[in-house]
Amino acid sequence: MKEPKIQPQKPIQAAIKDLQKSHSHPSSWRQRFFDTLKKKYHNFHIFYVFFNIIAIWSGAFTILGS
């Protein structure tokens, strides 16, 4: 029996770039919006995340306190 020829695999970095290219175009409006927010307006994205964390914890304390 002959063993099949084993071809060298792509380097890991090339494989990662291929995966990033396939995920680089978000499909929905929401995904495009947050992708733009993260890349172009990084400070607004940080504010958005911080505001949501505060809102979630405030809501949890309000529900537990009532």
PDB file of N, CA and C in Angstrom:
ATOM      1  N   MET A   1       0.829  -1.182   0.000  1.00  0.00           N
ATOM      2  CA  MET A   1       0.000   0.000   0.000  1.00  0.00           C
ATOM      3  C   MET A   1       0.870   1.241   0.000  1.00  0.00           C
ATOM      4  N   LYS A   2       0.481   2.171  -0.831  1.00  0.00           N
ATOM      5  CA  LYS A   2       1.189   3.433  -0.873  1.00  0.00           C
ATOM      6  C   LYS A   2       0.536   4.427   0.080  1.00  0.00           C
ATOM      7  N   GLU A   3       1.345   5.142   0.767  1.00  0.00           N
ATOM      8  CA  GLU A   3       0.818   6.188   1.636  1.00  0.00           C
ATOM      9  C   GLU A   3       0.553   7.422   0.793  1.00  0.00           C
ATOM     10  N   PRO A   4      -0.555   8.114   1.059  1.00  0.00           N
ATOM     11  CA  PRO A   4      -0.835   9.319   0.288  1.00  0.00           C
ATOM     12  C   PRO A   4       0.212  10.386   0.597  1.00  0.00           C
ATOM     13  N   LYS A   5       0.489  11.184  -0.421  1.00  0.00           N
ATOM     14  CA  LYS A   5       1.442  12.263  -0.224  1.00  0.00           C
ATOM     15  C   LYS A   5       0.858  13.290   0.742  1.00  0.00           C
ATOM     16  N   ILE A   6       1.623  13.625   1.710  1.00  0.00           N
ATOM     17  CA  ILE A   6       1.188  14.629   2.664  1.00  0.00           C
ATOM     18  C   ILE A   6       1.753  15.970   2.220  1.00  0.00           C
ATOM     19  N   GLN A   7       0.850  16.859   1.906  1.00  0.00           N
ATOM     20  CA  GLN A   7       1.282  18.178   1.469  1.00  0.00           C
ATOM     21  C   GLN A   7       1.411  19.073   2.696  1.00  0.00           C
ATOM     22  N   PRO A   8       2.401  19.921   2.688  1.00  0.00           N
ATOM     23  CA  PRO A   8       2.554  20.802   3.853  1.00  0.00           C
ATOM     24  C   PRO A   8       1.332  21.699   4.005  1.00  0.00           C
ATOM     25  N   GLN A   9       0.911  21.849   5.236  1.00  0.00           N
ATOM     26  CA  GLN A   9      -0.250  22.682   5.509  1.00  0.00           C
ATOM     27  C   GLN A   9       0.138  24.149   5.444  1.00  0.00           C
ATOM     28  N   LYS A  10      -0.888  24.973   5.305  1.00  0.00           N
ATOM     29  CA  LYS A  10      -0.659  26.416   5.300  1.00  0.00           C
ATOM     30  C   LYS A  10      -0.115  26.829   6.662  1.00  0.00           C
ATOM     31  N   PRO A  11       0.708  27.832   6.671  1.00  0.00           N
ATOM     32  CA  PRO A  11       1.114  28.358   7.972  1.00  0.00           C
ATOM     33  C   PRO A  11      -0.103  28.865   8.740  1.00  0.00           C
ATOM     34  N   ILE A  12      -0.012  28.855  10.023  1.00  0.00           N
ATOM     35  CA  ILE A  12      -1.143  29.229  10.864  1.00  0.00           C
ATOM     36  C   ILE A  12      -1.588  30.665  10.589  1.00  0.00           C
ATOM     37  N   GLN A  13      -0.645  31.566  10.398  1.00  0.00           N
ATOM     38  CA  GLN A  13      -1.012  32.959  10.163  1.00  0.00           C
ATOM     39  C   GLN A  13      -1.798  33.126   8.868  1.00  0.00           C
ATOM     40  N   ALA A  14      -1.443  32.369   7.841  1.00  0.00           N
ATOM     41  CA  ALA A  14      -2.181  32.452   6.578  1.00  0.00           C
ATOM     42  C   ALA A  14      -3.602  31.929   6.762  1.00  0.00           C
ATOM     43  N   ALA A  15      -3.743  30.862   7.541  1.00  0.00           N
ATOM     44  CA  ALA A  15      -5.075  30.314   7.799  1.00  0.00           C
ATOM     45  C   ALA A  15      -5.920  31.303   8.597  1.00  0.00           C
ATOM     46  N   ILE A  16      -5.304  31.983   9.559  1.00  0.00           N
ATOM     47  CA  ILE A  16      -6.026  32.972  10.362  1.00  0.00           C
ATOM     48  C   ILE A  16      -6.472  34.133   9.478  1.00  0.00           C
ATOM     49  N   LYS A  17      -5.615  34.579   8.570  1.00  0.00           N
ATOM     50  CA  LYS A  17      -5.992  35.667   7.662  1.00  0.00           C
ATOM     51  C   LYS A  17      -7.164  35.262   6.776  1.00  0.00           C
ATOM     52  N   ASP A  18      -7.169  34.004   6.318  1.00  0.00           N
ATOM     53  CA  ASP A  18      -8.284  33.525   5.500  1.00  0.00           C
ATOM     54  C   ASP A  18      -9.582  33.563   6.291  1.00  0.00           C
ATOM     55  N   LEU A  19      -9.518  33.165   7.554  1.00  0.00           N
ATOM     56  CA  LEU A  19     -10.718  33.189   8.386  1.00  0.00           C
ATOM     57  C   LEU A  19     -11.173  34.626   8.645  1.00  0.00           C
ATOM     58  N   GLN A  20     -10.239  35.524   8.863  1.00  0.00           N
ATOM     59  CA  GLN A  20     -10.606  36.916   9.100  1.00  0.00           C
ATOM     60  C   GLN A  20     -11.223  37.533   7.863  1.00  0.00           C
ATOM     61  N   LYS A  21     -10.743  37.173   6.687  1.00  0.00           N
ATOM     62  CA  LYS A  21     -11.329  37.703   5.462  1.00  0.00           C
ATOM     63  C   LYS A  21     -12.769  37.241   5.307  1.00  0.00           C
ATOM     64  N   SER A  22     -13.052  35.990   5.677  1.00  0.00           N
ATOM     65  CA  SER A  22     -14.408  35.491   5.525  1.00  0.00           C
ATOM     66  C   SER A  22     -15.352  36.132   6.531  1.00  0.00           C
ATOM     67  N   HIS A  23     -14.830  36.622   7.666  1.00  0.00           N
ATOM     68  CA  HIS A  23     -15.671  37.258   8.677  1.00  0.00           C
ATOM     69  C   HIS A  23     -15.557  38.778   8.648  1.00  0.00           C
ATOM     70  N   SER A  24     -14.867  39.306   7.696  1.00  0.00           N
ATOM     71  CA  SER A  24     -14.628  40.747   7.692  1.00  0.00           C
ATOM     72  C   SER A  24     -15.832  41.547   7.198  1.00  0.00           C
ATOM     73  N   HIS A  25     -16.806  40.927   6.563  1.00  0.00           N
ATOM     74  CA  HIS A  25     -17.964  41.633   6.045  1.00  0.00           C
ATOM     75  C   HIS A  25     -19.212  41.205   6.803  1.00  0.00           C
ATOM     76  N   PRO A  26     -19.584  41.959   7.849  1.00  0.00           N
ATOM     77  CA  PRO A  26     -20.799  41.615   8.582  1.00  0.00           C
ATOM     78  C   PRO A  26     -22.018  41.736   7.677  1.00  0.00           C
ATOM     79  N   SER A  27     -22.977  40.894   7.907  1.00  0.00           N
ATOM     80  CA  SER A  27     -24.106  40.834   6.999  1.00  0.00           C
ATOM     81  C   SER A  27     -25.249  41.761   7.395  1.00  0.00           C
ATOM     82  N   SER A  28     -25.554  41.893   8.654  1.00  0.00           N
ATOM     83  CA  SER A  28     -26.712  42.692   9.040  1.00  0.00           C
ATOM     84  C   SER A  28     -26.315  44.135   9.323  1.00  0.00           C
ATOM     85  N   TRP A  29     -27.325  45.002   9.349  1.00  0.00           N
ATOM     86  CA  TRP A  29     -27.097  46.414   9.633  1.00  0.00           C
ATOM     87  C   TRP A  29     -26.499  46.568  11.020  1.00  0.00           C
ATOM     88  N   ARG A  30     -27.007  45.825  11.987  1.00  0.00           N
ATOM     89  CA  ARG A  30     -26.533  45.911  13.374  1.00  0.00           C
ATOM     90  C   ARG A  30     -25.058  45.526  13.466  1.00  0.00           C
ATOM     91  N   GLN A  31     -24.670  44.457  12.789  1.00  0.00           N
ATOM     92  CA  GLN A  31     -23.273  44.028  12.819  1.00  0.00           C
ATOM     93  C   GLN A  31     -22.365  45.060  12.167  1.00  0.00           C
ATOM     94  N   ARG A  32     -22.804  45.637  11.063  1.00  0.00           N
ATOM     95  CA  ARG A  32     -22.010  46.676  10.402  1.00  0.00           C
ATOM     96  C   ARG A  32     -21.858  47.899  11.294  1.00  0.00           C
ATOM     97  N   PHE A  33     -22.950  48.273  11.975  1.00  0.00           N
ATOM     98  CA  PHE A  33     -22.915  49.428  12.859  1.00  0.00           C
ATOM     99  C   PHE A  33     -21.910  49.234  13.990  1.00  0.00           C
ATOM    100  N   PHE A  34     -21.968  48.084  14.672  1.00  0.00           N
ATOM    101  CA  PHE A  34     -21.067  47.870  15.792  1.00  0.00           C
ATOM    102  C   PHE A  34     -19.631  47.614  15.337  1.00  0.00           C
ATOM    103  N   ASP A  35     -19.472  47.074  14.161  1.00  0.00           N
ATOM    104  CA  ASP A  35     -18.121  46.914  13.616  1.00  0.00           C
ATOM    105  C   ASP A  35     -17.497  48.282  13.352  1.00  0.00           C
ATOM    106  N   THR A  36     -18.282  49.195  12.788  1.00  0.00           N
ATOM    107  CA  THR A  36     -17.805  50.559  12.563  1.00  0.00           C
ATOM    108  C   THR A  36     -17.543  51.265  13.882  1.00  0.00           C
ATOM    109  N   LEU A  37     -18.429  51.062  14.850  1.00  0.00           N
ATOM    110  CA  LEU A  37     -18.269  51.690  16.157  1.00  0.00           C
ATOM    111  C   LEU A  37     -16.982  51.226  16.830  1.00  0.00           C
ATOM    112  N   LYS A  38     -16.673  49.942  16.720  1.00  0.00           N
ATOM    113  CA  LYS A  38     -15.452  49.416  17.339  1.00  0.00           C
ATOM    114  C   LYS A  38     -14.192  49.910  16.651  1.00  0.00           C
ATOM    115  N   LYS A  39     -14.215  49.965  15.324  1.00  0.00           N
ATOM    116  CA  LYS A  39     -12.994  50.288  14.581  1.00  0.00           C
ATOM    117  C   LYS A  39     -12.747  51.781  14.446  1.00  0.00           C
ATOM    118  N   LYS A  40     -13.772  52.549  14.072  1.00  0.00           N
ATOM    119  CA  LYS A  40     -13.566  53.978  13.814  1.00  0.00           C
ATOM    120  C   LYS A  40     -13.733  54.831  15.065  1.00  0.00           C
ATOM    121  N   TYR A  41     -14.703  54.494  15.893  1.00  0.00           N
ATOM    122  CA  TYR A  41     -15.037  55.315  17.053  1.00  0.00           C
ATOM    123  C   TYR A  41     -14.853  54.498  18.324  1.00  0.00           C
ATOM    124  N   HIS A  42     -13.617  54.174  18.600  1.00  0.00           N
ATOM    125  CA  HIS A  42     -13.308  53.287  19.716  1.00  0.00           C
ATOM    126  C   HIS A  42     -13.785  53.862  21.058  1.00  0.00           C
ATOM    127  N   ASN A  43     -13.645  55.175  21.257  1.00  0.00           N
ATOM    128  CA  ASN A  43     -14.063  55.782  22.524  1.00  0.00           C
ATOM    129  C   ASN A  43     -15.573  55.702  22.724  1.00  0.00           C
ATOM    130  N   PHE A  44     -16.346  55.864  21.659  1.00  0.00           N
ATOM    131  CA  PHE A  44     -17.795  55.725  21.774  1.00  0.00           C
ATOM    132  C   PHE A  44     -18.177  54.285  22.090  1.00  0.00           C
ATOM    133  N   HIS A  45     -17.440  53.350  21.550  1.00  0.00           N
ATOM    134  CA  HIS A  45     -17.722  51.943  21.833  1.00  0.00           C
ATOM    135  C   HIS A  45     -17.468  51.641  23.306  1.00  0.00           C
ATOM    136  N   ILE A  46     -16.382  52.176  23.859  1.00  0.00           N
ATOM    137  CA  ILE A  46     -16.086  51.977  25.280  1.00  0.00           C
ATOM    138  C   ILE A  46     -17.199  52.581  26.136  1.00  0.00           C
ATOM    139  N   PHE A  47     -17.634  53.793  25.773  1.00  0.00           N
ATOM    140  CA  PHE A  47     -18.730  54.433  26.496  1.00  0.00           C
ATOM    141  C   PHE A  47     -20.005  53.593  26.414  1.00  0.00           C
ATOM    142  N   TYR A  48     -20.316  53.072  25.248  1.00  0.00           N
ATOM    143  CA  TYR A  48     -21.504  52.250  25.048  1.00  0.00           C
ATOM    144  C   TYR A  48     -21.473  51.009  25.937  1.00  0.00           C
ATOM    145  N   VAL A  49     -20.348  50.322  25.947  1.00  0.00           N
ATOM    146  CA  VAL A  49     -20.217  49.109  26.769  1.00  0.00           C
ATOM    147  C   VAL A  49     -20.324  49.464  28.249  1.00  0.00           C
ATOM    148  N   PHE A  50     -19.638  50.519  28.669  1.00  0.00           N
ATOM    149  CA  PHE A  50     -19.676  50.947  30.060  1.00  0.00           C
ATOM    150  C   PHE A  50     -21.105  51.312  30.476  1.00  0.00           C
ATOM    151  N   PHE A  51     -21.808  52.063  29.632  1.00  0.00           N
ATOM    152  CA  PHE A  51     -23.186  52.463  29.926  1.00  0.00           C
ATOM    153  C   PHE A  51     -24.086  51.235  30.071  1.00  0.00           C
ATOM    154  N   ASN A  52     -23.928  50.249  29.200  1.00  0.00           N
ATOM    155  CA  ASN A  52     -24.758  49.055  29.283  1.00  0.00           C
ATOM    156  C   ASN A  52     -24.479  48.250  30.544  1.00  0.00           C
ATOM    157  N   ILE A  53     -23.223  48.160  30.939  1.00  0.00           N
ATOM    158  CA  ILE A  53     -22.896  47.436  32.171  1.00  0.00           C
ATOM    159  C   ILE A  53     -23.534  48.130  33.374  1.00  0.00           C
ATOM    160  N   ILE A  54     -23.430  49.452  33.431  1.00  0.00           N
ATOM    161  CA  ILE A  54     -24.041  50.209  34.527  1.00  0.00           C
ATOM    162  C   ILE A  54     -25.556  50.024  34.518  1.00  0.00           C
ATOM    163  N   ALA A  55     -26.166  50.078  33.344  1.00  0.00           N
ATOM    164  CA  ALA A  55     -27.622  49.932  33.242  1.00  0.00           C
ATOM    165  C   ALA A  55     -28.076  48.546  33.693  1.00  0.00           C
ATOM    166  N   ILE A  56     -27.350  47.528  33.331  1.00  0.00           N
ATOM    167  CA  ILE A  56     -27.723  46.159  33.719  1.00  0.00           C
ATOM    168  C   ILE A  56     -27.630  46.000  35.231  1.00  0.00           C
ATOM    169  N   TRP A  57     -26.521  46.443  35.829  1.00  0.00           N
ATOM    170  CA  TRP A  57     -26.359  46.326  37.279  1.00  0.00           C
ATOM    171  C   TRP A  57     -27.387  47.198  38.021  1.00  0.00           C
ATOM    172  N   SER A  58     -27.670  48.373  37.513  1.00  0.00           N
ATOM    173  CA  SER A  58     -28.677  49.232  38.157  1.00  0.00           C
ATOM    174  C   SER A  58     -30.046  48.562  38.129  1.00  0.00           C
ATOM    175  N   GLY A  59     -30.379  47.978  36.988  1.00  0.00           N
ATOM    176  CA  GLY A  59     -31.658  47.266  36.890  1.00  0.00           C
ATOM    177  C   GLY A  59     -31.726  46.081  37.828  1.00  0.00           C
ATOM    178  N   ALA A  60     -30.611  45.350  37.951  1.00  0.00           N
ATOM    179  CA  ALA A  60     -30.596  44.187  38.853  1.00  0.00           C
ATOM    180  C   ALA A  60     -30.769  44.630  40.301  1.00  0.00           C
ATOM    181  N   PHE A  61     -30.092  45.703  40.705  1.00  0.00           N
ATOM    182  CA  PHE A  61     -30.242  46.194  42.087  1.00  0.00           C
ATOM    183  C   PHE A  61     -31.631  46.749  42.332  1.00  0.00           C
ATOM    184  N   THR A  62     -32.220  47.373  41.332  1.00  0.00           N
ATOM    185  CA  THR A  62     -33.576  47.909  41.475  1.00  0.00           C
ATOM    186  C   THR A  62     -34.577  46.767  41.662  1.00  0.00           C
ATOM    187  N   ILE A  63     -34.433  45.721  40.893  1.00  0.00           N
ATOM    188  CA  ILE A  63     -35.344  44.573  41.006  1.00  0.00           C
ATOM    189  C   ILE A  63     -35.143  43.877  42.348  1.00  0.00           C
ATOM    190  N   LEU A  64     -33.900  43.697  42.763  1.00  0.00           N
ATOM    191  CA  LEU A  64     -33.648  43.028  44.049  1.00  0.00           C
ATOM    192  C   LEU A  64     -34.078  43.897  45.227  1.00  0.00           C
ATOM    193  N   GLY A  65     -34.005  45.205  45.077  1.00  0.00           N
ATOM    194  CA  GLY A  65     -34.352  46.104  46.172  1.00  0.00           C
ATOM    195  C   GLY A  65     -35.833  46.313  46.347  1.00  0.00           C
ATOM    196  N   SER A  66     -36.624  45.942  45.371  1.00  0.00           N
ATOM    197  CA  SER A  66     -38.067  46.203  45.483  1.00  0.00           C
ATOM    198  C   SER A  66     -38.833  45.057  46.075  1.00  0.00           C
TER     199      SER A  66
END
